Protein backbone atom coordinates (compact mmCIF):
# COMPACT_ATOMS: atom_id res chain seq x y z
CA MET A 1 0.00 0.00 0.00
CA LEU A 2 1.33 3.45 -0.88
CA GLU A 3 0.61 5.94 1.88
CA ASN A 4 -0.34 9.55 1.21
CA THR A 5 -1.24 8.93 -2.43
CA SER A 6 -5.02 8.73 -2.21
CA ILE A 7 -5.77 12.30 -3.24
CA PRO A 8 -9.21 12.56 -4.87
CA TYR A 9 -8.92 16.16 -6.05
CA LEU A 10 -5.88 15.69 -8.28
CA ILE A 11 -6.32 17.04 -11.80
CA PRO A 12 -4.77 15.23 -14.80
CA TRP A 13 -2.03 15.13 -16.15
CA LEU A 14 1.37 16.52 -15.18
CA ALA A 15 3.38 16.12 -11.96
CA LEU A 16 6.45 18.09 -10.94
CA ASP A 17 9.53 17.01 -9.05
CA ILE A 18 10.93 19.60 -6.60
CA ASP A 19 14.68 19.24 -6.02
CA GLU A 20 16.81 20.24 -9.03
CA THR A 21 13.57 20.85 -10.92
CA LEU A 22 12.11 23.75 -8.95
CA SER A 23 14.59 24.08 -6.09
CA TRP A 24 18.34 24.49 -6.54
CA THR A 25 19.07 21.94 -3.84
CA VAL A 26 22.34 20.52 -5.12
CA TRP A 27 23.89 24.00 -5.27
CA PHE A 28 23.14 24.49 -1.57
CA TRP A 29 24.52 21.11 -0.48
CA MET A 30 27.68 21.39 -2.55
CA GLU A 31 28.31 24.87 -1.18
CA GLN A 32 27.82 23.62 2.37
CA MET A 33 30.06 20.60 1.87
CA GLN A 34 32.80 22.71 0.29
CA ASN A 35 32.74 25.20 3.15
CA ARG A 36 32.56 22.63 5.93
CA PHE A 37 34.59 19.65 4.79
CA TRP A 38 36.57 19.62 1.58
CA ASN A 39 37.29 20.88 -1.89
CA PRO A 40 40.64 19.31 -2.83
CA GLU A 41 40.09 19.97 -6.55
CA ASN A 42 39.48 23.67 -5.88
CA LEU A 43 36.35 23.58 -7.99
CA THR A 44 33.75 26.31 -8.00
CA ILE A 45 30.29 25.17 -7.00
CA LEU A 46 29.15 25.30 -10.63
CA GLU A 47 32.19 23.30 -11.77
CA MET A 48 31.51 20.68 -9.13
CA MET A 49 27.85 20.47 -10.16
CA LYS A 50 28.80 20.00 -13.81
CA LYS A 51 31.39 17.36 -13.01
CA TYR A 52 29.48 15.30 -10.45
CA ARG A 53 25.83 16.38 -10.77
CA TYR A 54 24.86 15.17 -7.27
CA THR A 55 26.77 15.39 -4.00
CA PHE A 56 26.75 11.61 -3.55
CA ASN A 57 28.81 11.30 -6.76
CA VAL A 58 31.66 13.37 -5.33
CA PRO A 59 34.29 10.75 -4.40
CA TYR A 60 35.73 12.60 -1.43
CA ARG A 61 32.31 13.37 0.07
CA ASN A 62 31.92 9.87 1.44
CA THR A 63 33.30 10.34 4.95
CA ASP A 64 31.59 9.47 8.23
CA GLU A 65 31.67 13.10 9.33
CA ALA A 66 30.12 14.43 6.12
CA ASN A 67 27.50 11.70 5.91
CA GLU A 68 26.41 12.21 9.51
CA TRP A 69 26.13 15.96 9.00
CA ILE A 70 24.00 15.59 5.86
CA LYS A 71 21.84 12.92 7.49
CA LYS A 72 21.01 15.34 10.29
CA GLU A 73 20.65 18.53 8.27
CA ILE A 74 18.49 17.09 5.47
CA HIS A 75 15.69 16.62 8.02
CA THR A 76 15.98 20.14 9.45
CA SER A 77 13.57 22.79 8.25
CA VAL A 78 15.88 25.63 9.36
CA THR A 79 18.55 24.33 6.98
CA GLN A 80 16.06 23.59 4.21
CA GLU A 81 14.81 27.19 4.26
CA LYS A 82 18.20 28.35 2.96
CA ILE A 83 17.80 26.49 -0.33
CA GLU A 84 17.07 28.83 -3.23
CA LEU A 85 14.81 28.32 -6.23
CA GLU A 86 16.15 27.17 -9.58
CA PRO A 87 16.50 30.26 -11.81
CA GLY A 88 13.37 30.64 -13.93
CA ALA A 89 11.45 27.89 -12.13
CA PHE A 90 8.35 29.94 -11.38
CA ASP A 91 8.13 31.39 -14.90
CA GLY A 92 8.48 27.91 -16.39
CA VAL A 93 5.64 26.53 -14.28
CA GLN A 94 3.46 29.49 -15.24
CA GLU A 95 4.09 28.85 -18.94
CA ILE A 96 3.29 25.14 -18.59
CA GLN A 97 0.02 25.91 -16.81
CA LYS A 98 -1.17 27.91 -19.80
CA HIS A 99 -1.50 24.65 -21.72
CA ILE A 100 -1.83 21.80 -19.24
CA PRO A 101 -3.00 21.39 -15.64
CA ILE A 102 -0.42 20.42 -13.05
CA SER A 103 -1.70 17.71 -10.72
CA CYS A 104 0.77 17.52 -7.86
CA TYR A 105 4.38 17.48 -6.72
CA ILE A 106 6.08 14.09 -6.33
CA THR A 107 9.38 14.21 -4.48
CA VAL A 108 11.87 12.04 -2.61
CA ARG A 109 12.05 14.67 0.10
CA PRO A 110 11.33 13.11 3.50
CA GLU A 111 7.91 13.53 5.06
CA VAL A 112 9.43 15.38 8.01
CA VAL A 113 9.99 18.54 5.90
CA ARG A 114 6.46 18.60 4.46
CA GLU A 115 5.40 21.78 6.25
CA TRP A 116 8.52 23.65 5.17
CA SER A 117 8.22 22.44 1.56
CA ASN A 118 4.57 23.45 1.39
CA ASN A 119 5.22 26.87 2.90
CA ARG A 120 8.18 27.46 0.61
CA LEU A 121 6.17 26.69 -2.53
CA LYS A 122 3.36 28.97 -1.36
CA LYS A 123 5.81 31.75 -0.52
CA TYR A 124 7.00 31.84 -4.13
CA TRP A 125 3.46 31.56 -5.54
CA PHE A 126 3.76 28.07 -6.97
CA PRO A 127 0.45 26.22 -7.47
CA ASP A 128 -1.12 25.10 -4.20
CA LEU A 129 -1.22 21.36 -4.93
CA PRO A 130 -0.73 18.09 -3.03
CA ILE A 131 2.86 17.10 -2.29
CA ILE A 132 3.58 13.37 -2.31
CA MET A 133 6.72 12.81 -0.24
CA LYS A 134 8.97 9.96 0.79
CA PRO A 135 7.84 8.25 4.01
CA MET A 136 10.43 8.26 6.75
CA ASN A 137 10.66 4.45 6.69
CA VAL A 138 11.84 4.46 3.05
CA ASP A 139 15.59 4.82 2.64
CA LYS A 140 16.78 7.74 0.51
CA LYS A 141 18.54 5.37 -1.90
CA ASP A 142 15.14 3.81 -2.65
CA GLY A 143 13.52 7.18 -3.33
CA ASN A 144 13.28 6.85 -7.11
CA GLN A 145 11.92 3.33 -6.89
CA ARG A 146 9.27 4.62 -4.52
CA LYS A 147 8.49 7.52 -6.87
CA ALA A 148 8.05 5.09 -9.77
CA ARG A 149 5.57 3.04 -7.75
CA VAL A 150 3.65 6.22 -6.87
CA LEU A 151 3.40 7.18 -10.55
CA GLU A 152 2.12 3.72 -11.44
CA HIS A 153 -0.34 3.84 -8.52
CA LEU A 154 -1.67 7.16 -9.86
CA SER A 155 -1.63 6.06 -13.49
CA ASP A 156 -5.26 7.09 -14.07
CA ILE A 157 -4.39 10.62 -13.02
CA VAL A 158 -0.70 11.34 -13.55
CA VAL A 159 1.09 10.09 -16.65
CA TRP A 160 3.67 12.83 -17.17
CA ILE A 161 6.32 14.18 -14.83
CA VAL A 162 9.04 16.80 -15.08
CA ASP A 163 12.04 15.37 -13.24
CA ASP A 164 15.82 15.66 -13.25
CA ASN A 165 16.84 12.17 -12.13
CA PRO A 166 17.26 9.56 -14.89
CA TRP A 167 17.30 6.72 -12.37
CA LEU A 168 13.54 7.19 -12.08
CA ILE A 169 13.23 5.71 -15.58
CA ASP A 170 15.07 2.56 -14.51
CA HIS A 171 12.22 1.80 -12.11
CA LEU A 172 9.26 2.58 -14.37
CA ASP A 173 7.49 -0.39 -15.95
CA ASP A 174 7.32 -0.02 -19.73
CA ALA A 175 3.72 -1.24 -19.59
CA TYR A 176 2.80 2.01 -17.83
CA GLU A 177 2.06 4.84 -20.27
CA TRP A 178 4.49 7.27 -18.69
CA VAL A 179 6.38 10.27 -20.07
CA VAL A 180 9.34 11.76 -18.23
CA PHE A 181 10.48 15.21 -19.32
CA MET A 182 14.09 14.90 -18.16
CA TYR A 183 15.22 18.38 -17.16
CA ASN A 184 18.86 19.46 -17.31
CA ASN A 185 20.36 15.98 -17.05
CA VAL A 186 21.58 13.98 -20.04
CA SER A 187 23.97 11.79 -18.05
CA LYS A 188 22.22 8.60 -19.22
CA LYS A 189 20.75 9.97 -22.46
CA GLU A 190 22.24 7.30 -24.75
CA ALA A 191 20.82 4.50 -22.60
CA TYR A 192 17.30 5.90 -22.94
CA GLU A 193 17.25 7.27 -26.49
CA GLN A 194 15.23 4.30 -27.74
CA LYS A 195 12.54 4.82 -25.11
CA LYS A 196 9.66 6.75 -26.63
CA ASN A 197 8.64 7.99 -23.20
CA TYR A 198 11.96 9.67 -22.40
CA ILE A 199 12.07 13.32 -23.47
CA PRO A 200 15.44 15.04 -22.82
CA CYS A 201 15.05 18.72 -21.95
CA PRO A 202 18.46 20.40 -21.46
CA THR A 203 16.94 23.77 -20.53
CA ARG A 204 13.79 25.03 -18.86
CA ASP A 205 12.61 26.48 -22.18
CA ASP A 206 12.96 22.96 -23.62
CA VAL A 207 10.71 21.63 -20.86
CA VAL A 208 8.03 24.18 -21.68
CA SER A 209 8.17 23.62 -25.44
CA GLU A 210 8.20 19.81 -25.14
CA VAL A 211 5.25 19.81 -22.73
CA TRP A 212 3.32 22.07 -25.06
CA GLU A 213 4.14 19.91 -28.08
CA HIS A 214 3.11 16.64 -26.40
CA PHE A 215 -0.02 18.12 -24.90
CA SER A 216 -1.18 19.23 -28.35
CA ILE A 217 -0.79 15.73 -29.87
């Protein structure tokens, strides 16, 4: 049974991820890790993001001290409030809504930061919609598998999602009529090029134009 997914007032069709899709989360965590622990390559934050994409890919991040700090801070609303929006995120959502309803947000953020996440979205005038979050008993490494099961559970309502994490596709059953608009991440593009449901979108403008195009089909 998937908790917190029985939401009768959802509107078809599109769901939105939050981190690295609306919120510039990786920038914040890489900045924090550089300042607190290490940066032996002397990379700028942007250079580190381009090279490693996510903090867990940074080879020298995997220390007990760093992992314990992240484990604690990721569940703290005070820390989460410091995370900025992705540039252009609000405008992109507004453009999408001109052509297609947005149903909900589906995220691997832990349930414990629900109130902060909801308040943050409202503060920046994003659509007031349900947020489906990761239960606390689901490990972070299983977040994309959980998200895939949520999408399949809501298959009568949500069939499209804007997301940045290609590992979500690995967990989606091909029998499910899904479409993932993969924002700003082509790290596994070649592996998915034959999948008709994978739409690479290098920029936010690409997301908007691809959503418009597919909605008009």
